[in-house]
C-alpha atoms as a PDB file:
ATOM      1  CA  MET A   1     -16.176   0.982   9.632  1.00  0.00           C
ATOM      2  CA  VAL A   2     -17.123   3.025   6.537  1.00  0.00           C
ATOM      3  CA  ASN A   3     -19.233   5.373   8.631  1.00  0.00           C
ATOM      4  CA  THR A   4     -16.420   5.837  11.155  1.00  0.00           C
ATOM      5  CA  ILE A   5     -13.926   6.694   8.413  1.00  0.00           C
ATOM      6  CA  ARG A   6     -16.343   9.095   6.683  1.00  0.00           C
ATOM      7  CA  HIS A   7     -17.151  10.740  10.033  1.00  0.00           C
ATOM      8  CA  GLN A   8     -13.431  11.272  10.775  1.00  0.00           C
ATOM      9  CA  LEU A   9     -12.878  12.684   7.286  1.00  0.00           C
ATOM     10  CA  LYS A  10     -15.873  15.016   7.553  1.00  0.00           C
ATOM     11  CA  GLN A  11     -14.425  16.396  10.801  1.00  0.00           C
ATOM     12  CA  LYS A  12     -11.337  17.351   8.795  1.00  0.00           C
ATOM     13  CA  GLY A  13     -13.393  18.904   5.939  1.00  0.00           C
ATOM     14  CA  ILE A  14     -13.281  16.003   3.491  1.00  0.00           C
ATOM     15  CA  ASN A  15     -16.861  15.398   2.393  1.00  0.00           C
ATOM     16  CA  ASN A  16     -16.385  12.946  -0.488  1.00  0.00           C
ATOM     17  CA  GLU A  17     -18.702  10.030  -1.162  1.00  0.00           C
ATOM     18  CA  TRP A  18     -17.319   6.629  -0.185  1.00  0.00           C
ATOM     19  CA  SER A  19     -16.892   5.593  -3.843  1.00  0.00           C
ATOM     20  CA  ASP A  20     -14.783   8.703  -4.440  1.00  0.00           C
ATOM     21  CA  ILE A  21     -12.605   7.968  -1.391  1.00  0.00           C
ATOM     22  CA  VAL A  22     -12.040   4.401  -2.632  1.00  0.00           C
ATOM     23  CA  ARG A  23     -11.205   5.688  -6.144  1.00  0.00           C
ATOM     24  CA  ILE A  24      -8.743   8.218  -4.744  1.00  0.00           C
ATOM     25  CA  MET A  25      -7.046   5.704  -2.451  1.00  0.00           C
ATOM     26  CA  ASN A  26      -6.765   3.130  -5.292  1.00  0.00           C
ATOM     27  CA  THR A  27      -4.264   5.434  -7.038  1.00  0.00           C
ATOM     28  CA  GLN A  28      -1.549   4.333  -4.624  1.00  0.00           C
ATOM     29  CA  LYS A  29      -0.152   0.955  -5.659  1.00  0.00           C
ATOM     30  CA  ILE A  30       2.095  -1.734  -4.247  1.00  0.00           C
ATOM     31  CA  VAL A  31       4.767  -2.790  -6.726  1.00  0.00           C
ATOM     32  CA  THR A  32       6.375  -6.236  -6.516  1.00  0.00           C
ATOM     33  CA  THR A  33       9.534  -6.959  -8.486  1.00  0.00           C
ATOM     34  CA  THR A  34      10.775 -10.573  -8.622  1.00  0.00           C
ATOM     35  CA  MET A  35      14.022 -11.823 -10.175  1.00  0.00           C
ATOM     36  CA  ASP A  36      16.361 -14.799  -9.970  1.00  0.00           C
ATOM     37  CA  ASN A  37      20.064 -14.250  -9.360  1.00  0.00           C
ATOM     38  CA  GLU A  38      23.041 -16.298 -10.488  1.00  0.00           C
ATOM     39  CA  TYR A  39      22.987 -18.309  -7.209  1.00  0.00           C
ATOM     40  CA  GLU A  40      19.536 -19.760  -8.003  1.00  0.00           C
ATOM     41  CA  GLN A  41      17.918 -17.494  -5.428  1.00  0.00           C
ATOM     42  CA  GLN A  42      14.781 -15.489  -5.920  1.00  0.00           C
ATOM     43  CA  ILE A  43      14.904 -11.842  -4.935  1.00  0.00           C
ATOM     44  CA  VAL A  44      11.553 -10.164  -4.188  1.00  0.00           C
ATOM     45  CA  ILE A  45      11.297  -6.391  -3.646  1.00  0.00           C
ATOM     46  CA  ARG A  46       7.973  -4.846  -2.561  1.00  0.00           C
ATOM     47  CA  GLN A  47       7.381  -1.131  -2.252  1.00  0.00           C
ATOM     48  CA  CYS A  48       4.566   1.411  -2.297  1.00  0.00           C
ATOM     49  CA  SER A  49       4.204   4.084  -4.898  1.00  0.00           C
ATOM     50  CA  GLU A  50       4.351   7.726  -3.797  1.00  0.00           C
ATOM     51  CA  PRO A  51       0.881   8.866  -2.673  1.00  0.00           C
ATOM     52  CA  THR A  52      -0.757  11.649  -4.712  1.00  0.00           C
ATOM     53  CA  GLU A  53      -1.775  14.837  -2.903  1.00  0.00           C
ATOM     54  CA  PRO A  54      -5.429  13.743  -2.427  1.00  0.00           C
ATOM     55  CA  VAL A  55      -4.257  10.412  -0.944  1.00  0.00           C
ATOM     56  CA  ARG A  56      -1.794  12.188   1.314  1.00  0.00           C
ATOM     57  CA  LYS A  57      -4.615  14.526   2.466  1.00  0.00           C
ATOM     58  CA  ILE A  58      -6.783  11.546   3.443  1.00  0.00           C
ATOM     59  CA  TYR A  59      -3.893   9.817   5.255  1.00  0.00           C
ATOM     60  CA  THR A  60      -3.152  13.040   7.162  1.00  0.00           C
ATOM     61  CA  ALA A  61      -6.812  13.512   8.135  1.00  0.00           C
ATOM     62  CA  LEU A  62      -6.934   9.917   9.458  1.00  0.00           C
ATOM     63  CA  GLN A  63      -3.467  10.201  11.087  1.00  0.00           C
ATOM     64  CA  TYR A  64      -2.029   7.334   8.998  1.00  0.00           C
ATOM     65  CA  LYS A  65       1.421   7.044   7.508  1.00  0.00           C
ATOM     66  CA  PRO A  66       1.585   8.087   3.834  1.00  0.00           C
ATOM     67  CA  LYS A  67       2.959   4.613   2.958  1.00  0.00           C
ATOM     68  CA  PRO A  68       1.481   1.438   4.526  1.00  0.00           C
ATOM     69  CA  PHE A  69       4.951  -0.143   4.742  1.00  0.00           C
ATOM     70  CA  THR A  70       8.540   0.576   3.862  1.00  0.00           C
ATOM     71  CA  ARG A  71      10.433  -1.132   1.072  1.00  0.00           C
ATOM     72  CA  LYS A  72      10.846  -4.859   1.765  1.00  0.00           C
ATOM     73  CA  LYS A  73      13.383  -7.146   0.235  1.00  0.00           C
ATOM     74  CA  SER A  74      13.669 -10.899   0.631  1.00  0.00           C
ATOM     75  CA  VAL A  75      16.007 -13.518  -0.819  1.00  0.00           C
ATOM     76  CA  ALA A  76      15.098 -17.215  -0.894  1.00  0.00           C
ATOM     77  CA  PRO A  77      15.822 -20.312  -2.924  1.00  0.00           C
ATOM     78  CA  ALA A  78      14.206 -19.956  -6.382  1.00  0.00           C
ATOM     79  CA  GLY A  79      10.574 -21.034  -6.443  1.00  0.00           C
ATOM     80  CA  SER A  80      10.035 -20.888  -2.658  1.00  0.00           C
ATOM     81  CA  GLN A  81       8.258 -17.475  -2.825  1.00  0.00           C
ATOM     82  CA  LYS A  82       5.381 -18.586  -5.060  1.00  0.00           C
ATOM     83  CA  ASN A  83       2.937 -19.545  -2.307  1.00  0.00           C
ATOM     84  CA  ARG A  84       4.119 -17.035   0.227  1.00  0.00           C
ATOM     85  CA  LYS A  85       1.530 -14.604   1.648  1.00  0.00           C
ATOM     86  CA  PRO A  86       2.324 -10.875   1.389  1.00  0.00           C
ATOM     87  CA  ASP A  87       3.808  -9.285   4.556  1.00  0.00           C
ATOM     88  CA  TYR A  88       1.099  -6.625   4.643  1.00  0.00           C
ATOM     89  CA  ALA A  89      -1.836  -9.046   4.758  1.00  0.00           C
END
């Protein structure tokens, strides 16, 4: 898989080492905000940070979206979200 990704990037003029690609891509984060409301419900909001220009360049070269997913919001009874798997996994 690593070789396939590096080959695709080299075809687009991106010749970074794999460790550099991983470091660059790790600058984009997923932020999860959790809060309880007055109805004893837990509100969870997940969103991606804006990609930096080097991240956007890699996404474009690989023909991926600049954000892995759009903003997600869920509301559930308080405490029911603790063992829930993330939607992106």
